[in-house]
Amino acid sequence: MLPACVGLVPFGVVCGVGAAAAGADWLAALGMSVLIFSGAAQILAAQLYAGGAPFAIIVLTCFVLGLRFLMYSAAMAPHLRTLSPAWQRSLAFLLTDQAFAVVVRRFDASSDPRDGASYFLGTGVALWGTWQATNMAGFLAGNLIPAWLSLDFAVPLCFLALMAPLMRSGPNLAAAVVAGSAVLLLQALPMRLNLVVAGVLGIAAGTLAEAARERWKAR
């Protein structure tokens, strides 16, 4: 996970800077990174907090941004079904975009769910620890880093690098193309719902493509 942790550094620093700019003290900034553990949600929460938004609106916005994890969880559930509830809940907290991208491949390659779960735990702890350290570094740096640097560009690039090995089959490519196109075409939807709708459309496209491929093989 070292490449993914390195990719998190600029984004974590930006989130820490955002918390400082919003007027949070170090304890509040640390608490936000520890509990939310989501770059997009943290940045929006800091912006809404700085703008005086009601607490309920901040929570609702973060909730909508996190809806994509329902899809990640649905994909992970069959692999984690045999584990204890304590294992499942602990791993659910550590689920991120980067962790999902690598852990789902580990589960597919291993028949032992405990092996995949241990890998998941190590992946999540590495990312979570890096996230806390970089957020605190960003908070201490405060507004010394100019906004025009746009350091958060490294995060989607890192995630694309992790996802690239999965784009080797027709159904996966179909899901990626449909979901990516839908995100762009549905940007007008409120509360970033385009991410959720695009995810559902991508899953549907991948499922239909997989079914069509199986029917073709059966001929």
C-alpha atoms as a PDB file:
ATOM      1  CA  MET A   1       0.000   0.000   0.000  1.00  0.00           C
ATOM      2  CA  LEU A   2       3.017   2.309  -0.053  1.00  0.00           C
ATOM      3  CA  PRO A   3       2.064   3.896  -3.426  1.00  0.00           C
ATOM      4  CA  ALA A   4      -1.470   4.505  -2.179  1.00  0.00           C
ATOM      5  CA  CYS A   5      -0.168   5.992   1.081  1.00  0.00           C
ATOM      6  CA  VAL A   6       2.130   8.308  -0.853  1.00  0.00           C
ATOM      7  CA  GLY A   7      -0.813   9.328  -3.017  1.00  0.00           C
ATOM      8  CA  LEU A   8      -2.773  10.251   0.100  1.00  0.00           C
ATOM      9  CA  VAL A   9      -0.126  12.693   1.345  1.00  0.00           C
ATOM     10  CA  PRO A  10      -1.118  15.769  -0.702  1.00  0.00           C
ATOM     11  CA  PHE A  11      -4.838  15.167  -0.192  1.00  0.00           C
ATOM     12  CA  GLY A  12      -4.405  14.714   3.569  1.00  0.00           C
ATOM     13  CA  VAL A  13      -2.350  17.891   3.757  1.00  0.00           C
ATOM     14  CA  VAL A  14      -5.053  19.789   1.859  1.00  0.00           C
ATOM     15  CA  CYS A  15      -7.718  18.485   4.262  1.00  0.00           C
ATOM     16  CA  GLY A  16      -5.638  19.600   7.232  1.00  0.00           C
ATOM     17  CA  VAL A  17      -5.142  23.035   5.703  1.00  0.00           C
ATOM     18  CA  GLY A  18      -8.891  23.229   5.087  1.00  0.00           C
ATOM     19  CA  ALA A  19      -9.643  22.459   8.719  1.00  0.00           C
ATOM     20  CA  ALA A  20      -7.230  25.174   9.853  1.00  0.00           C
ATOM     21  CA  ALA A  21      -8.749  27.668   7.431  1.00  0.00           C
ATOM     22  CA  ALA A  22     -12.228  26.839   8.755  1.00  0.00           C
ATOM     23  CA  GLY A  23     -11.120  27.892  12.227  1.00  0.00           C
ATOM     24  CA  ALA A  24     -10.935  24.439  13.840  1.00  0.00           C
ATOM     25  CA  ASP A  25      -8.424  23.809  16.611  1.00  0.00           C
ATOM     26  CA  TRP A  26      -6.021  20.873  16.448  1.00  0.00           C
ATOM     27  CA  LEU A  27      -8.284  18.578  18.470  1.00  0.00           C
ATOM     28  CA  ALA A  28     -11.288  19.231  16.250  1.00  0.00           C
ATOM     29  CA  ALA A  29      -9.166  18.745  13.115  1.00  0.00           C
ATOM     30  CA  LEU A  30      -7.806  15.453  14.445  1.00  0.00           C
ATOM     31  CA  GLY A  31     -11.252  14.291  15.518  1.00  0.00           C
ATOM     32  CA  MET A  32     -12.660  14.991  12.071  1.00  0.00           C
ATOM     33  CA  SER A  33      -9.940  13.001  10.313  1.00  0.00           C
ATOM     34  CA  VAL A  34     -10.187  10.132  12.822  1.00  0.00           C
ATOM     35  CA  LEU A  35     -13.973   9.776  12.657  1.00  0.00           C
ATOM     36  CA  ILE A  36     -14.867  10.791   9.108  1.00  0.00           C
ATOM     37  CA  PHE A  37     -11.783   9.335   7.376  1.00  0.00           C
ATOM     38  CA  SER A  38     -12.888  10.640   3.977  1.00  0.00           C
ATOM     39  CA  GLY A  39     -11.163  13.374   2.041  1.00  0.00           C
ATOM     40  CA  ALA A  40     -14.168  14.594   0.049  1.00  0.00           C
ATOM     41  CA  ALA A  41     -16.445  14.548   3.098  1.00  0.00           C
ATOM     42  CA  GLN A  42     -13.881  16.310   5.275  1.00  0.00           C
ATOM     43  CA  ILE A  43     -13.298  19.106   2.776  1.00  0.00           C
ATOM     44  CA  LEU A  44     -17.024  19.708   2.335  1.00  0.00           C
ATOM     45  CA  ALA A  45     -17.643  19.483   6.084  1.00  0.00           C
ATOM     46  CA  ALA A  46     -14.937  22.077   6.702  1.00  0.00           C
ATOM     47  CA  GLN A  47     -16.379  24.376   4.043  1.00  0.00           C
ATOM     48  CA  LEU A  48     -19.910  24.048   5.386  1.00  0.00           C
ATOM     49  CA  TYR A  49     -18.701  24.586   8.947  1.00  0.00           C
ATOM     50  CA  ALA A  50     -16.819  27.722   7.911  1.00  0.00           C
ATOM     51  CA  GLY A  51     -19.959  28.950   6.149  1.00  0.00           C
ATOM     52  CA  GLY A  52     -22.093  28.496   9.253  1.00  0.00           C
ATOM     53  CA  ALA A  53     -24.195  25.622   7.907  1.00  0.00           C
ATOM     54  CA  PRO A  54     -26.420  23.770  10.414  1.00  0.00           C
ATOM     55  CA  PHE A  55     -24.977  20.578  11.863  1.00  0.00           C
ATOM     56  CA  ALA A  56     -27.745  18.466  10.293  1.00  0.00           C
ATOM     57  CA  ILE A  57     -26.867  19.761   6.819  1.00  0.00           C
ATOM     58  CA  ILE A  58     -23.195  18.892   7.331  1.00  0.00           C
ATOM     59  CA  VAL A  59     -24.084  15.356   8.424  1.00  0.00           C
ATOM     60  CA  LEU A  60     -26.539  14.873   5.544  1.00  0.00           C
ATOM     61  CA  THR A  61     -23.988  16.086   2.991  1.00  0.00           C
ATOM     62  CA  CYS A  62     -21.337  13.691   4.295  1.00  0.00           C
ATOM     63  CA  PHE A  63     -23.907  10.902   4.282  1.00  0.00           C
ATOM     64  CA  VAL A  64     -24.748  11.466   0.613  1.00  0.00           C
ATOM     65  CA  LEU A  65     -21.077  11.562  -0.322  1.00  0.00           C
ATOM     66  CA  GLY A  66     -20.603   8.238   1.457  1.00  0.00           C
ATOM     67  CA  LEU A  67     -23.438   6.428  -0.327  1.00  0.00           C
ATOM     68  CA  ARG A  68     -20.966   4.902  -2.787  1.00  0.00           C
ATOM     69  CA  PHE A  69     -19.663   2.773   0.072  1.00  0.00           C
ATOM     70  CA  LEU A  70     -22.982   0.926   0.047  1.00  0.00           C
ATOM     71  CA  MET A  71     -21.955  -0.442  -3.338  1.00  0.00           C
ATOM     72  CA  TYR A  72     -18.451  -1.270  -2.099  1.00  0.00           C
ATOM     73  CA  SER A  73     -19.960  -3.029   0.912  1.00  0.00           C
ATOM     74  CA  ALA A  74     -22.307  -5.063  -1.266  1.00  0.00           C
ATOM     75  CA  ALA A  75     -19.308  -6.291  -3.266  1.00  0.00           C
ATOM     76  CA  MET A  76     -17.352  -7.147  -0.103  1.00  0.00           C
ATOM     77  CA  ALA A  77     -20.227  -8.778   1.816  1.00  0.00           C
ATOM     78  CA  PRO A  78     -19.959 -12.262   0.210  1.00  0.00           C
ATOM     79  CA  HIS A  79     -16.272 -12.429   1.167  1.00  0.00           C
ATOM     80  CA  LEU A  80     -16.864 -11.310   4.765  1.00  0.00           C
ATOM     81  CA  ARG A  81     -20.041 -13.287   5.468  1.00  0.00           C
ATOM     82  CA  THR A  82     -18.274 -16.051   7.392  1.00  0.00           C
ATOM     83  CA  LEU A  83     -16.408 -13.645   9.698  1.00  0.00           C
ATOM     84  CA  SER A  84     -17.633 -12.538  13.122  1.00  0.00           C
ATOM     85  CA  PRO A  85     -19.663  -9.309  13.462  1.00  0.00           C
ATOM     86  CA  ALA A  86     -16.729  -7.663  15.256  1.00  0.00           C
ATOM     87  CA  TRP A  87     -14.457  -8.381  12.293  1.00  0.00           C
ATOM     88  CA  GLN A  88     -17.049  -7.134   9.827  1.00  0.00           C
ATOM     89  CA  ARG A  89     -17.659  -3.849  11.656  1.00  0.00           C
ATOM     90  CA  SER A  90     -13.978  -3.150  12.172  1.00  0.00           C
ATOM     91  CA  LEU A  91     -13.209  -3.698   8.502  1.00  0.00           C
ATOM     92  CA  ALA A  92     -16.239  -1.639   7.438  1.00  0.00           C
ATOM     93  CA  PHE A  93     -14.788   1.393   9.215  1.00  0.00           C
ATOM     94  CA  LEU A  94     -11.523   0.999   7.276  1.00  0.00           C
ATOM     95  CA  LEU A  95     -13.209   0.691   3.863  1.00  0.00           C
ATOM     96  CA  THR A  96     -11.964   3.342   1.432  1.00  0.00           C
ATOM     97  CA  ASP A  97     -11.698   3.696  -2.333  1.00  0.00           C
ATOM     98  CA  GLN A  98      -8.046   2.661  -2.332  1.00  0.00           C
ATOM     99  CA  ALA A  99      -8.578  -0.248   0.070  1.00  0.00           C
ATOM    100  CA  PHE A 100     -11.487  -1.596  -1.948  1.00  0.00           C
ATOM    101  CA  ALA A 101      -9.496  -1.486  -5.182  1.00  0.00           C
ATOM    102  CA  VAL A 102      -6.733  -3.747  -3.849  1.00  0.00           C
ATOM    103  CA  VAL A 103      -8.609  -5.866  -1.293  1.00  0.00           C
ATOM    104  CA  VAL A 104     -11.276  -7.102  -3.702  1.00  0.00           C
ATOM    105  CA  ARG A 105      -8.491  -8.531  -5.871  1.00  0.00           C
ATOM    106  CA  ARG A 106      -7.011 -10.254  -2.825  1.00  0.00           C
ATOM    107  CA  PHE A 107     -10.325 -11.884  -1.969  1.00  0.00           C
ATOM    108  CA  ASP A 108     -10.747 -13.054  -5.570  1.00  0.00           C
ATOM    109  CA  ALA A 109      -7.271 -14.618  -5.513  1.00  0.00           C
ATOM    110  CA  SER A 110      -7.614 -16.335  -2.119  1.00  0.00           C
ATOM    111  CA  SER A 111     -10.084 -18.993  -0.993  1.00  0.00           C
ATOM    112  CA  ASP A 112      -9.458 -18.229   2.695  1.00  0.00           C
ATOM    113  CA  PRO A 113     -11.642 -15.332   3.913  1.00  0.00           C
ATOM    114  CA  ARG A 114      -9.423 -14.813   6.974  1.00  0.00           C
ATOM    115  CA  ASP A 115      -6.426 -14.292   4.729  1.00  0.00           C
ATOM    116  CA  GLY A 116      -8.320 -11.614   2.812  1.00  0.00           C
ATOM    117  CA  ALA A 117      -9.600 -10.074   6.041  1.00  0.00           C
ATOM    118  CA  SER A 118      -6.079  -9.845   7.485  1.00  0.00           C
ATOM    119  CA  TYR A 119      -4.906  -8.219   4.274  1.00  0.00           C
ATOM    120  CA  PHE A 120      -7.869  -5.832   4.473  1.00  0.00           C
ATOM    121  CA  LEU A 121      -6.973  -4.930   8.064  1.00  0.00           C
ATOM    122  CA  GLY A 122      -3.337  -4.206   7.210  1.00  0.00           C
ATOM    123  CA  THR A 123      -4.360  -2.149   4.191  1.00  0.00           C
ATOM    124  CA  GLY A 124      -6.878  -0.116   6.190  1.00  0.00           C
ATOM    125  CA  VAL A 125      -4.545   0.560   9.110  1.00  0.00           C
ATOM    126  CA  ALA A 126      -1.780   1.721   6.750  1.00  0.00           C
ATOM    127  CA  LEU A 127      -4.132   4.150   4.999  1.00  0.00           C
ATOM    128  CA  TRP A 128      -5.777   5.341   8.218  1.00  0.00           C
ATOM    129  CA  GLY A 129      -2.449   6.009   9.932  1.00  0.00           C
ATOM    130  CA  THR A 130      -1.112   7.891   6.917  1.00  0.00           C
ATOM    131  CA  TRP A 131      -4.311   9.911   6.797  1.00  0.00           C
ATOM    132  CA  GLN A 132      -4.016  11.058  10.415  1.00  0.00           C
ATOM    133  CA  ALA A 133      -0.356  12.033  10.045  1.00  0.00           C
ATOM    134  CA  THR A 134      -0.873  14.005   6.836  1.00  0.00           C
ATOM    135  CA  ASN A 135      -3.967  15.764   8.172  1.00  0.00           C
ATOM    136  CA  MET A 136      -2.036  16.943  11.209  1.00  0.00           C
ATOM    137  CA  ALA A 137       0.866  18.047   9.006  1.00  0.00           C
ATOM    138  CA  GLY A 138      -1.564  20.059   6.896  1.00  0.00           C
ATOM    139  CA  PHE A 139      -3.200  21.586   9.942  1.00  0.00           C
ATOM    140  CA  LEU A 140       0.175  22.717  11.293  1.00  0.00           C
ATOM    141  CA  ALA A 141       1.126  24.124   7.911  1.00  0.00           C
ATOM    142  CA  GLY A 142      -2.108  26.118   7.954  1.00  0.00           C
ATOM    143  CA  ASN A 143      -2.471  28.561   5.126  1.00  0.00           C
ATOM    144  CA  LEU A 144       1.218  28.535   4.186  1.00  0.00           C
ATOM    145  CA  ILE A 145       0.482  26.248   1.198  1.00  0.00           C
ATOM    146  CA  PRO A 146      -1.045  28.353  -1.616  1.00  0.00           C
ATOM    147  CA  ALA A 147      -4.372  27.156  -3.033  1.00  0.00           C
ATOM    148  CA  TRP A 148      -3.145  27.327  -6.641  1.00  0.00           C
ATOM    149  CA  LEU A 149      -0.970  24.237  -6.094  1.00  0.00           C
ATOM    150  CA  SER A 150      -4.096  22.010  -6.272  1.00  0.00           C
ATOM    151  CA  LEU A 151      -2.376  19.171  -4.418  1.00  0.00           C
ATOM    152  CA  ASP A 152      -5.468  16.976  -4.380  1.00  0.00           C
ATOM    153  CA  PHE A 153      -4.943  15.928  -8.029  1.00  0.00           C
ATOM    154  CA  ALA A 154      -2.710  13.044  -6.865  1.00  0.00           C
ATOM    155  CA  VAL A 155      -5.599  11.162  -5.233  1.00  0.00           C
ATOM    156  CA  PRO A 156      -7.665  10.343  -8.356  1.00  0.00           C
ATOM    157  CA  LEU A 157      -4.451   9.558 -10.234  1.00  0.00           C
ATOM    158  CA  CYS A 158      -3.460   7.080  -7.531  1.00  0.00           C
ATOM    159  CA  PHE A 159      -6.899   5.472  -7.572  1.00  0.00           C
ATOM    160  CA  LEU A 160      -6.826   5.155 -11.369  1.00  0.00           C
ATOM    161  CA  ALA A 161      -3.478   3.386 -11.114  1.00  0.00           C
ATOM    162  CA  LEU A 162      -4.964   0.915  -8.642  1.00  0.00           C
ATOM    163  CA  MET A 163      -8.038   0.284 -10.783  1.00  0.00           C
ATOM    164  CA  ALA A 164      -6.210  -0.116 -14.100  1.00  0.00           C
ATOM    165  CA  PRO A 165      -5.350  -3.827 -13.585  1.00  0.00           C
ATOM    166  CA  LEU A 166      -9.064  -4.569 -13.171  1.00  0.00           C
ATOM    167  CA  MET A 167      -9.938  -3.142 -16.592  1.00  0.00           C
ATOM    168  CA  ARG A 168      -9.032  -6.300 -18.508  1.00  0.00           C
ATOM    169  CA  SER A 169     -12.470  -7.757 -19.174  1.00  0.00           C
ATOM    170  CA  GLY A 170     -15.441  -6.608 -21.195  1.00  0.00           C
ATOM    171  CA  PRO A 171     -17.896  -6.357 -18.272  1.00  0.00           C
ATOM    172  CA  ASN A 172     -15.447  -4.315 -16.183  1.00  0.00           C
ATOM    173  CA  LEU A 173     -14.762  -1.977 -19.083  1.00  0.00           C
ATOM    174  CA  ALA A 174     -18.489  -1.595 -19.758  1.00  0.00           C
ATOM    175  CA  ALA A 175     -19.130  -0.728 -16.116  1.00  0.00           C
ATOM    176  CA  ALA A 176     -16.290   1.809 -16.082  1.00  0.00           C
ATOM    177  CA  VAL A 177     -17.338   3.518 -19.325  1.00  0.00           C
ATOM    178  CA  VAL A 178     -21.015   3.748 -18.356  1.00  0.00           C
ATOM    179  CA  ALA A 179     -20.304   4.955 -14.825  1.00  0.00           C
ATOM    180  CA  GLY A 180     -17.698   7.490 -15.978  1.00  0.00           C
ATOM    181  CA  SER A 181     -19.995   8.868 -18.665  1.00  0.00           C
ATOM    182  CA  ALA A 182     -22.934   9.081 -16.262  1.00  0.00           C
ATOM    183  CA  VAL A 183     -20.889  11.038 -13.691  1.00  0.00           C
ATOM    184  CA  LEU A 184     -20.163  13.690 -16.314  1.00  0.00           C
ATOM    185  CA  LEU A 185     -23.629  13.780 -17.863  1.00  0.00           C
ATOM    186  CA  LEU A 186     -25.485  13.955 -14.534  1.00  0.00           C
ATOM    187  CA  GLN A 187     -23.449  16.701 -12.874  1.00  0.00           C
ATOM    188  CA  ALA A 188     -26.567  18.841 -12.578  1.00  0.00           C
ATOM    189  CA  LEU A 189     -28.054  16.505  -9.959  1.00  0.00           C
ATOM    190  CA  PRO A 190     -28.041  18.035  -6.459  1.00  0.00           C
ATOM    191  CA  MET A 191     -25.953  16.879  -3.500  1.00  0.00           C
ATOM    192  CA  ARG A 192     -23.507  14.965  -5.721  1.00  0.00           C
ATOM    193  CA  LEU A 193     -26.126  12.324  -6.408  1.00  0.00           C
ATOM    194  CA  ASN A 194     -24.541  11.848  -9.826  1.00  0.00           C
ATOM    195  CA  LEU A 195     -21.926   9.669  -8.092  1.00  0.00           C
ATOM    196  CA  VAL A 196     -24.565   7.344  -6.675  1.00  0.00           C
ATOM    197  CA  VAL A 197     -26.641   7.141  -9.863  1.00  0.00           C
ATOM    198  CA  ALA A 198     -23.517   6.600 -11.960  1.00  0.00           C
ATOM    199  CA  GLY A 199     -22.435   3.768  -9.667  1.00  0.00           C
ATOM    200  CA  VAL A 200     -25.804   2.030  -9.997  1.00  0.00           C
ATOM    201  CA  LEU A 201     -25.759   2.432 -13.786  1.00  0.00           C
ATOM    202  CA  GLY A 202     -22.199   1.111 -13.932  1.00  0.00           C
ATOM    203  CA  ILE A 203     -23.146  -1.968 -11.895  1.00  0.00           C
ATOM    204  CA  ALA A 204     -26.144  -2.588 -14.149  1.00  0.00           C
ATOM    205  CA  ALA A 205     -24.008  -2.245 -17.282  1.00  0.00           C
ATOM    206  CA  GLY A 206     -21.364  -4.618 -15.946  1.00  0.00           C
ATOM    207  CA  THR A 207     -23.991  -7.170 -14.909  1.00  0.00           C
ATOM    208  CA  LEU A 208     -25.686  -7.078 -18.308  1.00  0.00           C
ATOM    209  CA  ALA A 209     -22.337  -7.368 -20.090  1.00  0.00           C
ATOM    210  CA  GLU A 210     -21.379 -10.354 -17.925  1.00  0.00           C
ATOM    211  CA  ALA A 211     -24.724 -12.044 -18.622  1.00  0.00           C
ATOM    212  CA  ALA A 212     -24.321 -11.449 -22.371  1.00  0.00           C
ATOM    213  CA  ARG A 213     -20.805 -12.914 -22.271  1.00  0.00           C
ATOM    214  CA  GLU A 214     -21.991 -16.027 -20.434  1.00  0.00           C
ATOM    215  CA  ARG A 215     -24.799 -16.552 -22.957  1.00  0.00           C
ATOM    216  CA  TRP A 216     -22.289 -16.192 -25.793  1.00  0.00           C
ATOM    217  CA  LYS A 217     -19.985 -18.782 -24.194  1.00  0.00           C
ATOM    218  CA  ALA A 218     -22.890 -21.190 -23.750  1.00  0.00           C
ATOM    219  CA  ARG A 219     -23.563 -21.286 -27.490  1.00  0.00           C
END
